[in-house]
Amino acid sequence: MIVDLLLGLMWVLGGYGMGSLPTGNGKDIEVVVHRGANALAPENTVASALAALKEGATWIEVDVRISKDSVMYNLHDETLDRTTDGEGLLRDATSAEIDKLDAGEWFSPAFKGARVPRVSEMLDSLKGKASVFFDVKRGTPVRPLIELVRAKGFEHNSFFWFADPRMLQEFVRLAPEMKIKVNAHDIESLKKWQEVCTPSYVEIAPANITEEFRSYCHANGIRIMAAIQNADIESYKEAIAVQPDLVNLDRPELWKQIIRAQ
């Protein structure tokens, strides 16, 4: 908690920005951070989100899971073991139990006291500072998530991905105004998703971003996000070369370094 408060103060004093980073040829590529700036701070915490924004990110990924008593949390794994001092499945723990866990010391003693953030807390921390990519995990009730997103004012600056097609169908029915991201590797696989929903974003490997794919996406109002999570410098350079609309990555500080070096 202390760490999160300090980073919030750093925001005010240090000027975390929402702008995307200009590439060498002048086009802006928006930066989506996968679990926050997880090389700088413990993943899926408020600290990692704010650190990512300081490094130029414009979007924060929020992994949505639900506790035993129906509170939504930002945690990637099904279990608490890897990134907290707790054990077992998050869905088997109550919010009172989860709120007491330490989600920072495993990463560094400097982050001792960081918590597993509730999704509501994450959205409050990001309001007016970033947009949100919701990675909605299986078992998360769709209607309460939609209600929370609307209540926090993120219905127009967010997009959603669902691993469960049934959850996607329910989401389309309940929130037709909200944006959806799908994964594809070519035009044909994207067309199959268009039979199910109206995608606003498509995530794809940089090597598969052809001029034909780009033209098709933009003609259909679909923004292209290059998937470069867990990538190295060469992969980042490859992504810059194919000029997607967005990149989904783990290390915004490395991306910024490469952009500035161009």
C-alpha atoms as a PDB file:
ATOM      1  CA  MET A   1       0.000   0.000   0.000  1.00  0.00           C
ATOM      2  CA  ILE A   2       2.819   2.400   0.874  1.00  0.00           C
ATOM      3  CA  VAL A   3       4.526   1.620  -2.422  1.00  0.00           C
ATOM      4  CA  ASP A   4       1.333   2.339  -4.358  1.00  0.00           C
ATOM      5  CA  LEU A   5       0.829   5.646  -2.552  1.00  0.00           C
ATOM      6  CA  LEU A   6       4.408   6.704  -3.249  1.00  0.00           C
ATOM      7  CA  LEU A   7       4.032   5.925  -6.937  1.00  0.00           C
ATOM      8  CA  GLY A   8       0.816   7.925  -6.992  1.00  0.00           C
ATOM      9  CA  LEU A   9       2.751  10.889  -5.597  1.00  0.00           C
ATOM     10  CA  MET A  10       5.455  10.343  -8.226  1.00  0.00           C
ATOM     11  CA  TRP A  11       2.738  10.671 -10.850  1.00  0.00           C
ATOM     12  CA  VAL A  12       1.876  14.161  -9.646  1.00  0.00           C
ATOM     13  CA  LEU A  13       5.491  15.291  -9.267  1.00  0.00           C
ATOM     14  CA  GLY A  14       7.032  13.487 -12.199  1.00  0.00           C
ATOM     15  CA  GLY A  15       4.474  13.956 -14.925  1.00  0.00           C
ATOM     16  CA  TYR A  16       3.482  10.493 -16.109  1.00  0.00           C
ATOM     17  CA  GLY A  17       2.070  10.989 -19.596  1.00  0.00           C
ATOM     18  CA  MET A  18      -0.615   9.411 -21.745  1.00  0.00           C
ATOM     19  CA  GLY A  19       0.958  10.184 -25.108  1.00  0.00           C
ATOM     20  CA  SER A  20       2.238   7.465 -27.391  1.00  0.00           C
ATOM     21  CA  LEU A  21       5.865   7.415 -28.438  1.00  0.00           C
ATOM     22  CA  PRO A  22       6.680   8.684 -31.943  1.00  0.00           C
ATOM     23  CA  THR A  23       8.609   6.238 -34.096  1.00  0.00           C
ATOM     24  CA  GLY A  24      11.479   7.216 -36.299  1.00  0.00           C
ATOM     25  CA  ASN A  25       9.238   7.851 -39.299  1.00  0.00           C
ATOM     26  CA  GLY A  26       6.830  10.033 -37.314  1.00  0.00           C
ATOM     27  CA  LYS A  27       3.928   7.637 -36.851  1.00  0.00           C
ATOM     28  CA  ASP A  28       2.708   7.032 -33.324  1.00  0.00           C
ATOM     29  CA  ILE A  29       2.463   3.459 -32.092  1.00  0.00           C
ATOM     30  CA  GLU A  30       0.446   3.142 -28.908  1.00  0.00           C
ATOM     31  CA  VAL A  31       1.955   1.031 -26.147  1.00  0.00           C
ATOM     32  CA  VAL A  32      -0.104  -1.584 -24.310  1.00  0.00           C
ATOM     33  CA  VAL A  33       1.661  -3.098 -21.323  1.00  0.00           C
ATOM     34  CA  HIS A  34       1.218  -6.782 -20.533  1.00  0.00           C
ATOM     35  CA  ARG A  35       0.753  -7.026 -16.743  1.00  0.00           C
ATOM     36  CA  GLY A  36       2.230  -3.549 -16.306  1.00  0.00           C
ATOM     37  CA  ALA A  37       5.920  -2.705 -16.504  1.00  0.00           C
ATOM     38  CA  ASN A  38       6.737  -6.065 -14.981  1.00  0.00           C
ATOM     39  CA  ALA A  39      10.519  -5.738 -15.239  1.00  0.00           C
ATOM     40  CA  LEU A  40      10.361  -2.576 -13.124  1.00  0.00           C
ATOM     41  CA  ALA A  41       7.722  -3.507 -10.547  1.00  0.00           C
ATOM     42  CA  PRO A  42       5.705  -6.584  -9.519  1.00  0.00           C
ATOM     43  CA  GLU A  43       3.270  -7.532 -12.259  1.00  0.00           C
ATOM     44  CA  ASN A  44      -0.439  -6.735 -12.059  1.00  0.00           C
ATOM     45  CA  THR A  45       0.006  -4.164  -9.283  1.00  0.00           C
ATOM     46  CA  VAL A  46      -0.777  -0.465  -9.202  1.00  0.00           C
ATOM     47  CA  ALA A  47       2.981   0.078  -8.930  1.00  0.00           C
ATOM     48  CA  SER A  48       3.678  -1.722 -12.232  1.00  0.00           C
ATOM     49  CA  ALA A  49       0.852   0.142 -13.958  1.00  0.00           C
ATOM     50  CA  LEU A  50       2.110   3.568 -12.907  1.00  0.00           C
ATOM     51  CA  ALA A  51       5.692   2.628 -13.761  1.00  0.00           C
ATOM     52  CA  ALA A  52       4.519   1.658 -17.256  1.00  0.00           C
ATOM     53  CA  LEU A  53       2.794   5.000 -17.753  1.00  0.00           C
ATOM     54  CA  LYS A  54       5.964   6.832 -16.750  1.00  0.00           C
ATOM     55  CA  GLU A  55       7.753   4.937 -19.535  1.00  0.00           C
ATOM     56  CA  GLY A  56       5.252   6.084 -22.159  1.00  0.00           C
ATOM     57  CA  ALA A  57       2.563   3.411 -22.133  1.00  0.00           C
ATOM     58  CA  THR A  58      -0.940   4.470 -23.140  1.00  0.00           C
ATOM     59  CA  TRP A  59      -2.799   1.274 -22.261  1.00  0.00           C
ATOM     60  CA  ILE A  60      -2.660  -0.966 -19.181  1.00  0.00           C
ATOM     61  CA  GLU A  61      -3.702  -4.614 -19.330  1.00  0.00           C
ATOM     62  CA  VAL A  62      -5.949  -5.673 -16.447  1.00  0.00           C
ATOM     63  CA  ASP A  63      -6.376  -9.428 -15.920  1.00  0.00           C
ATOM     64  CA  VAL A  64      -9.800  -9.977 -14.379  1.00  0.00           C
ATOM     65  CA  ARG A  65     -10.438 -12.811 -11.913  1.00  0.00           C
ATOM     66  CA  ILE A  66     -13.083 -13.185  -9.236  1.00  0.00           C
ATOM     67  CA  SER A  67     -12.804 -14.143  -5.575  1.00  0.00           C
ATOM     68  CA  LYS A  68     -14.961 -16.580  -3.637  1.00  0.00           C
ATOM     69  CA  ASP A  69     -17.202 -13.694  -2.538  1.00  0.00           C
ATOM     70  CA  SER A  70     -17.485 -12.196  -6.050  1.00  0.00           C
ATOM     71  CA  VAL A  71     -14.911  -9.380  -5.858  1.00  0.00           C
ATOM     72  CA  MET A  72     -12.939  -8.809  -9.060  1.00  0.00           C
ATOM     73  CA  TYR A  73      -9.126  -8.700  -8.827  1.00  0.00           C
ATOM     74  CA  ASN A  74      -6.279  -7.976 -11.225  1.00  0.00           C
ATOM     75  CA  LEU A  75      -4.228 -11.189 -11.262  1.00  0.00           C
ATOM     76  CA  HIS A  76      -2.873 -13.153 -14.206  1.00  0.00           C
ATOM     77  CA  ASP A  77      -2.474 -16.612 -12.666  1.00  0.00           C
ATOM     78  CA  GLU A  78      -5.302 -18.824 -11.425  1.00  0.00           C
ATOM     79  CA  THR A  79      -3.347 -19.345  -8.213  1.00  0.00           C
ATOM     80  CA  LEU A  80      -1.921 -16.933  -5.663  1.00  0.00           C
ATOM     81  CA  ASP A  81       1.325 -18.860  -5.234  1.00  0.00           C
ATOM     82  CA  ARG A  82       3.674 -17.270  -7.777  1.00  0.00           C
ATOM     83  CA  THR A  83       3.101 -13.549  -7.207  1.00  0.00           C
ATOM     84  CA  THR A  84       1.877 -13.334  -3.601  1.00  0.00           C
ATOM     85  CA  ASP A  85       2.628 -14.828  -0.213  1.00  0.00           C
ATOM     86  CA  GLY A  86      -0.661 -16.724  -0.394  1.00  0.00           C
ATOM     87  CA  GLU A  87      -1.508 -20.182  -1.675  1.00  0.00           C
ATOM     88  CA  GLY A  88      -4.219 -21.828  -3.728  1.00  0.00           C
ATOM     89  CA  LEU A  89      -6.752 -20.626  -6.260  1.00  0.00           C
ATOM     90  CA  LEU A  90      -7.811 -17.005  -6.125  1.00  0.00           C
ATOM     91  CA  ARG A  91     -11.424 -18.068  -6.697  1.00  0.00           C
ATOM     92  CA  ASP A  92     -11.296 -20.118  -3.474  1.00  0.00           C
ATOM     93  CA  ALA A  93     -10.152 -17.165  -1.343  1.00  0.00           C
ATOM     94  CA  THR A  94     -12.352 -14.412   0.069  1.00  0.00           C
ATOM     95  CA  SER A  95     -11.668 -10.736  -0.558  1.00  0.00           C
ATOM     96  CA  ALA A  96     -10.782 -10.311   3.121  1.00  0.00           C
ATOM     97  CA  GLU A  97      -8.090 -12.956   2.719  1.00  0.00           C
ATOM     98  CA  ILE A  98      -6.779 -11.628  -0.613  1.00  0.00           C
ATOM     99  CA  ASP A  99      -6.603  -8.040   0.627  1.00  0.00           C
ATOM    100  CA  LYS A 100      -4.128  -9.097   3.331  1.00  0.00           C
ATOM    101  CA  LEU A 101      -1.665 -10.738   0.923  1.00  0.00           C
ATOM    102  CA  ASP A 102       1.689  -9.241  -0.051  1.00  0.00           C
ATOM    103  CA  ALA A 103       2.061  -9.073  -3.845  1.00  0.00           C
ATOM    104  CA  GLY A 104       5.347  -7.195  -3.988  1.00  0.00           C
ATOM    105  CA  GLU A 105       8.084  -8.630  -1.797  1.00  0.00           C
ATOM    106  CA  TRP A 106       8.582 -11.662  -4.082  1.00  0.00           C
ATOM    107  CA  PHE A 107       9.780  -9.183  -6.724  1.00  0.00           C
ATOM    108  CA  SER A 108      11.903  -6.952  -4.480  1.00  0.00           C
ATOM    109  CA  PRO A 109      11.978  -5.907  -0.802  1.00  0.00           C
ATOM    110  CA  ALA A 110      11.383  -2.365  -2.075  1.00  0.00           C
ATOM    111  CA  PHE A 111       7.829  -3.392  -2.995  1.00  0.00           C
ATOM    112  CA  LYS A 112       6.944  -5.071   0.274  1.00  0.00           C
ATOM    113  CA  GLY A 113       3.369  -4.209   1.150  1.00  0.00           C
ATOM    114  CA  ALA A 114       2.033  -3.957  -2.403  1.00  0.00           C
ATOM    115  CA  ARG A 115      -1.359  -5.612  -2.681  1.00  0.00           C
ATOM    116  CA  VAL A 116      -3.293  -7.636  -5.218  1.00  0.00           C
ATOM    117  CA  PRO A 117      -5.409  -4.774  -6.540  1.00  0.00           C
ATOM    118  CA  ARG A 118      -9.121  -4.985  -6.910  1.00  0.00           C
ATOM    119  CA  VAL A 119     -10.202  -4.106 -10.439  1.00  0.00           C
ATOM    120  CA  SER A 120     -12.116  -1.138  -9.035  1.00  0.00           C
ATOM    121  CA  GLU A 121      -8.895   0.120  -7.407  1.00  0.00           C
ATOM    122  CA  MET A 122      -6.956  -0.269 -10.650  1.00  0.00           C
ATOM    123  CA  LEU A 123      -9.535   1.744 -12.560  1.00  0.00           C
ATOM    124  CA  ASP A 124      -9.520   4.481  -9.935  1.00  0.00           C
ATOM    125  CA  SER A 125      -5.709   4.618 -10.192  1.00  0.00           C
ATOM    126  CA  LEU A 126      -5.804   4.865 -14.006  1.00  0.00           C
ATOM    127  CA  LYS A 127      -8.704   7.283 -14.411  1.00  0.00           C
ATOM    128  CA  GLY A 128      -7.612  10.173 -16.625  1.00  0.00           C
ATOM    129  CA  LYS A 129      -4.153   8.628 -17.101  1.00  0.00           C
ATOM    130  CA  ALA A 130      -4.577   5.587 -19.338  1.00  0.00           C
ATOM    131  CA  SER A 131      -6.938   3.356 -21.254  1.00  0.00           C
ATOM    132  CA  VAL A 132      -7.480  -0.278 -20.268  1.00  0.00           C
ATOM    133  CA  PHE A 133      -7.255  -3.630 -22.033  1.00  0.00           C
ATOM    134  CA  PHE A 134      -9.342  -6.126 -20.047  1.00  0.00           C
ATOM    135  CA  ASP A 135      -8.172  -9.741 -20.308  1.00  0.00           C
ATOM    136  CA  VAL A 136     -11.229 -11.441 -18.854  1.00  0.00           C
ATOM    137  CA  LYS A 137     -10.456 -14.861 -17.413  1.00  0.00           C
ATOM    138  CA  ARG A 138     -12.810 -17.834 -17.504  1.00  0.00           C
ATOM    139  CA  GLY A 139     -15.404 -17.847 -14.753  1.00  0.00           C
ATOM    140  CA  THR A 140     -15.630 -14.075 -14.407  1.00  0.00           C
ATOM    141  CA  PRO A 141     -19.290 -12.960 -14.434  1.00  0.00           C
ATOM    142  CA  VAL A 142     -19.769 -10.664 -17.413  1.00  0.00           C
ATOM    143  CA  ARG A 143     -22.620  -8.440 -16.243  1.00  0.00           C
ATOM    144  CA  PRO A 144     -20.943  -7.189 -13.009  1.00  0.00           C
ATOM    145  CA  LEU A 145     -17.774  -6.388 -14.969  1.00  0.00           C
ATOM    146  CA  ILE A 146     -19.734  -4.341 -17.492  1.00  0.00           C
ATOM    147  CA  GLU A 147     -21.502  -2.508 -14.680  1.00  0.00           C
ATOM    148  CA  LEU A 148     -18.186  -1.713 -12.981  1.00  0.00           C
ATOM    149  CA  VAL A 149     -16.576  -0.480 -16.207  1.00  0.00           C
ATOM    150  CA  ARG A 150     -19.527   1.811 -16.859  1.00  0.00           C
ATOM    151  CA  ALA A 151     -19.588   3.062 -13.269  1.00  0.00           C
ATOM    152  CA  LYS A 152     -15.879   3.933 -13.439  1.00  0.00           C
ATOM    153  CA  GLY A 153     -16.244   5.679 -16.822  1.00  0.00           C
ATOM    154  CA  PHE A 154     -14.072   3.308 -18.878  1.00  0.00           C
ATOM    155  CA  GLU A 155     -16.691   2.088 -21.350  1.00  0.00           C
ATOM    156  CA  HIS A 156     -15.284   4.221 -24.184  1.00  0.00           C
ATOM    157  CA  ASN A 157     -11.541   3.957 -23.516  1.00  0.00           C
ATOM    158  CA  SER A 158     -11.126   0.223 -23.170  1.00  0.00           C
ATOM    159  CA  PHE A 159     -11.263  -3.033 -25.074  1.00  0.00           C
ATOM    160  CA  PHE A 160     -11.925  -6.606 -23.983  1.00  0.00           C
ATOM    161  CA  TRP A 161     -10.681 -10.102 -24.764  1.00  0.00           C
ATOM    162  CA  PHE A 162     -12.417 -13.302 -23.676  1.00  0.00           C
ATOM    163  CA  ALA A 163     -10.888 -16.773 -23.682  1.00  0.00           C
ATOM    164  CA  ASP A 164     -14.393 -18.240 -23.398  1.00  0.00           C
ATOM    165  CA  PRO A 165     -16.537 -17.710 -26.558  1.00  0.00           C
ATOM    166  CA  ARG A 166     -19.723 -17.994 -24.481  1.00  0.00           C
ATOM    167  CA  MET A 167     -18.604 -15.066 -22.350  1.00  0.00           C
ATOM    168  CA  LEU A 168     -17.867 -13.109 -25.521  1.00  0.00           C
ATOM    169  CA  GLN A 169     -21.372 -13.735 -26.843  1.00  0.00           C
ATOM    170  CA  GLU A 170     -22.916 -12.578 -23.566  1.00  0.00           C
ATOM    171  CA  PHE A 171     -20.713  -9.481 -23.585  1.00  0.00           C
ATOM    172  CA  VAL A 172     -21.735  -8.554 -27.140  1.00  0.00           C
ATOM    173  CA  ARG A 173     -25.390  -8.828 -26.140  1.00  0.00           C
ATOM    174  CA  LEU A 174     -25.066  -6.798 -22.930  1.00  0.00           C
ATOM    175  CA  ALA A 175     -22.536  -4.155 -24.013  1.00  0.00           C
ATOM    176  CA  PRO A 176     -22.751  -3.573 -27.776  1.00  0.00           C
ATOM    177  CA  GLU A 177     -21.085  -0.176 -27.390  1.00  0.00           C
ATOM    178  CA  MET A 178     -17.866  -1.600 -25.912  1.00  0.00           C
ATOM    179  CA  LYS A 179     -14.896  -2.702 -27.991  1.00  0.00           C
ATOM    180  CA  ILE A 180     -13.613  -6.237 -28.521  1.00  0.00           C
ATOM    181  CA  LYS A 181     -10.153  -7.573 -29.319  1.00  0.00           C
ATOM    182  CA  VAL A 182      -9.636 -10.865 -31.125  1.00  0.00           C
ATOM    183  CA  ASN A 183      -6.518 -12.871 -31.981  1.00  0.00           C
ATOM    184  CA  ALA A 184      -5.787 -13.825 -35.583  1.00  0.00           C
ATOM    185  CA  HIS A 185      -2.900 -14.841 -37.824  1.00  0.00           C
ATOM    186  CA  ASP A 186      -4.292 -13.845 -41.215  1.00  0.00           C
ATOM    187  CA  ILE A 187      -7.324 -12.350 -42.946  1.00  0.00           C
ATOM    188  CA  GLU A 188      -9.232 -15.625 -43.091  1.00  0.00           C
ATOM    189  CA  SER A 189      -8.963 -16.257 -39.356  1.00  0.00           C
ATOM    190  CA  LEU A 190     -10.019 -12.659 -38.719  1.00  0.00           C
ATOM    191  CA  LYS A 191     -13.067 -13.105 -40.953  1.00  0.00           C
ATOM    192  CA  LYS A 192     -14.160 -16.051 -38.808  1.00  0.00           C
ATOM    193  CA  TRP A 193     -14.197 -13.777 -35.777  1.00  0.00           C
ATOM    194  CA  GLN A 194     -16.215 -11.217 -37.731  1.00  0.00           C
ATOM    195  CA  GLU A 195     -18.953 -13.838 -38.007  1.00  0.00           C
ATOM    196  CA  VAL A 196     -19.159 -13.845 -34.203  1.00  0.00           C
ATOM    197  CA  CYS A 197     -18.623 -10.188 -33.302  1.00  0.00           C
ATOM    198  CA  THR A 198     -17.469  -6.829 -34.643  1.00  0.00           C
ATOM    199  CA  PRO A 199     -13.811  -6.593 -33.604  1.00  0.00           C
ATOM    200  CA  SER A 200     -12.288  -3.188 -32.972  1.00  0.00           C
ATOM    201  CA  TYR A 201      -8.782  -4.596 -32.386  1.00  0.00           C
ATOM    202  CA  VAL A 202      -6.873  -7.628 -33.605  1.00  0.00           C
ATOM    203  CA  GLU A 203      -3.732  -9.008 -31.960  1.00  0.00           C
ATOM    204  CA  ILE A 204      -1.247 -10.658 -34.300  1.00  0.00           C
ATOM    205  CA  ALA A 205       2.432 -11.555 -34.520  1.00  0.00           C
ATOM    206  CA  PRO A 206       4.511  -8.869 -36.278  1.00  0.00           C
ATOM    207  CA  ALA A 207       5.664 -11.345 -38.933  1.00  0.00           C
ATOM    208  CA  ASN A 208       2.044 -11.771 -40.053  1.00  0.00           C
ATOM    209  CA  ILE A 209       1.304  -8.074 -40.521  1.00  0.00           C
ATOM    210  CA  THR A 210       1.306  -7.775 -44.303  1.00  0.00           C
ATOM    211  CA  GLU A 211       0.152  -4.810 -46.367  1.00  0.00           C
ATOM    212  CA  GLU A 212      -2.872  -6.849 -47.414  1.00  0.00           C
ATOM    213  CA  PHE A 213      -3.730  -7.569 -43.775  1.00  0.00           C
ATOM    214  CA  ARG A 214      -3.260  -3.923 -42.833  1.00  0.00           C
ATOM    215  CA  SER A 215      -5.492  -2.711 -45.663  1.00  0.00           C
ATOM    216  CA  TYR A 216      -8.232  -5.190 -44.778  1.00  0.00           C
ATOM    217  CA  CYS A 217      -8.190  -4.246 -41.088  1.00  0.00           C
ATOM    218  CA  HIS A 218      -8.262  -0.526 -41.643  1.00  0.00           C
ATOM    219  CA  ALA A 219     -10.987  -0.825 -44.269  1.00  0.00           C
ATOM    220  CA  ASN A 220     -13.068  -2.611 -41.631  1.00  0.00           C
ATOM    221  CA  GLY A 221     -12.293  -0.218 -38.786  1.00  0.00           C
ATOM    222  CA  ILE A 222     -10.016  -2.671 -36.990  1.00  0.00           C
ATOM    223  CA  ARG A 223      -6.823  -1.490 -35.282  1.00  0.00           C
ATOM    224  CA  ILE A 224      -3.794  -3.794 -35.390  1.00  0.00           C
ATOM    225  CA  MET A 225      -1.912  -4.709 -32.202  1.00  0.00           C
ATOM    226  CA  ALA A 226       1.434  -6.493 -32.560  1.00  0.00           C
ATOM    227  CA  ALA A 227       2.011  -9.201 -29.952  1.00  0.00           C
ATOM    228  CA  ILE A 228       5.574  -8.896 -28.638  1.00  0.00           C
ATOM    229  CA  GLN A 229       5.267 -10.067 -25.036  1.00  0.00           C
ATOM    230  CA  ASN A 230       8.404 -11.628 -23.537  1.00  0.00           C
ATOM    231  CA  ALA A 231      10.334 -10.355 -26.549  1.00  0.00           C
ATOM    232  CA  ASP A 232      13.869  -9.114 -27.121  1.00  0.00           C
ATOM    233  CA  ILE A 233      15.290  -6.025 -28.816  1.00  0.00           C
ATOM    234  CA  GLU A 234      15.181  -7.554 -32.285  1.00  0.00           C
ATOM    235  CA  SER A 235      11.503  -8.416 -31.897  1.00  0.00           C
ATOM    236  CA  TYR A 236      10.766  -4.860 -30.844  1.00  0.00           C
ATOM    237  CA  LYS A 237      12.584  -3.571 -33.921  1.00  0.00           C
ATOM    238  CA  GLU A 238      10.642  -5.984 -36.114  1.00  0.00           C
ATOM    239  CA  ALA A 239       7.404  -4.622 -34.695  1.00  0.00           C
ATOM    240  CA  ILE A 240       8.451  -1.036 -35.370  1.00  0.00           C
ATOM    241  CA  ALA A 241       9.279  -1.937 -38.968  1.00  0.00           C
ATOM    242  CA  VAL A 242       5.775  -3.249 -39.734  1.00  0.00           C
ATOM    243  CA  GLN A 243       4.104  -0.210 -38.141  1.00  0.00           C
ATOM    244  CA  PRO A 244       1.133  -1.597 -36.205  1.00  0.00           C
ATOM    245  CA  ASP A 245      -1.323   0.721 -34.505  1.00  0.00           C
ATOM    246  CA  LEU A 246      -0.403  -0.681 -31.108  1.00  0.00           C
ATOM    247  CA  VAL A 247       2.130  -3.021 -29.524  1.00  0.00           C
ATOM    248  CA  ASN A 248       1.458  -5.359 -26.591  1.00  0.00           C
ATOM    249  CA  LEU A 249       4.683  -5.746 -24.610  1.00  0.00           C
ATOM    250  CA  ASP A 250       6.255  -6.280 -21.193  1.00  0.00           C
ATOM    251  CA  ARG A 251       9.044  -3.734 -21.200  1.00  0.00           C
ATOM    252  CA  PRO A 252       7.956  -0.194 -22.094  1.00  0.00           C
ATOM    253  CA  GLU A 253      11.282   1.141 -20.858  1.00  0.00           C
ATOM    254  CA  LEU A 254      13.129  -0.952 -23.461  1.00  0.00           C
ATOM    255  CA  TRP A 255      10.671   0.051 -26.180  1.00  0.00           C
ATOM    256  CA  LYS A 256      11.229   3.728 -25.327  1.00  0.00           C
ATOM    257  CA  GLN A 257      14.993   3.230 -25.468  1.00  0.00           C
ATOM    258  CA  ILE A 258      14.767   1.706 -28.964  1.00  0.00           C
ATOM    259  CA  ILE A 259      12.419   4.429 -30.220  1.00  0.00           C
ATOM    260  CA  ARG A 260      14.713   7.183 -28.970  1.00  0.00           C
ATOM    261  CA  ALA A 261      17.730   5.522 -30.562  1.00  0.00           C
ATOM    262  CA  GLN A 262      16.162   5.576 -34.022  1.00  0.00           C
END
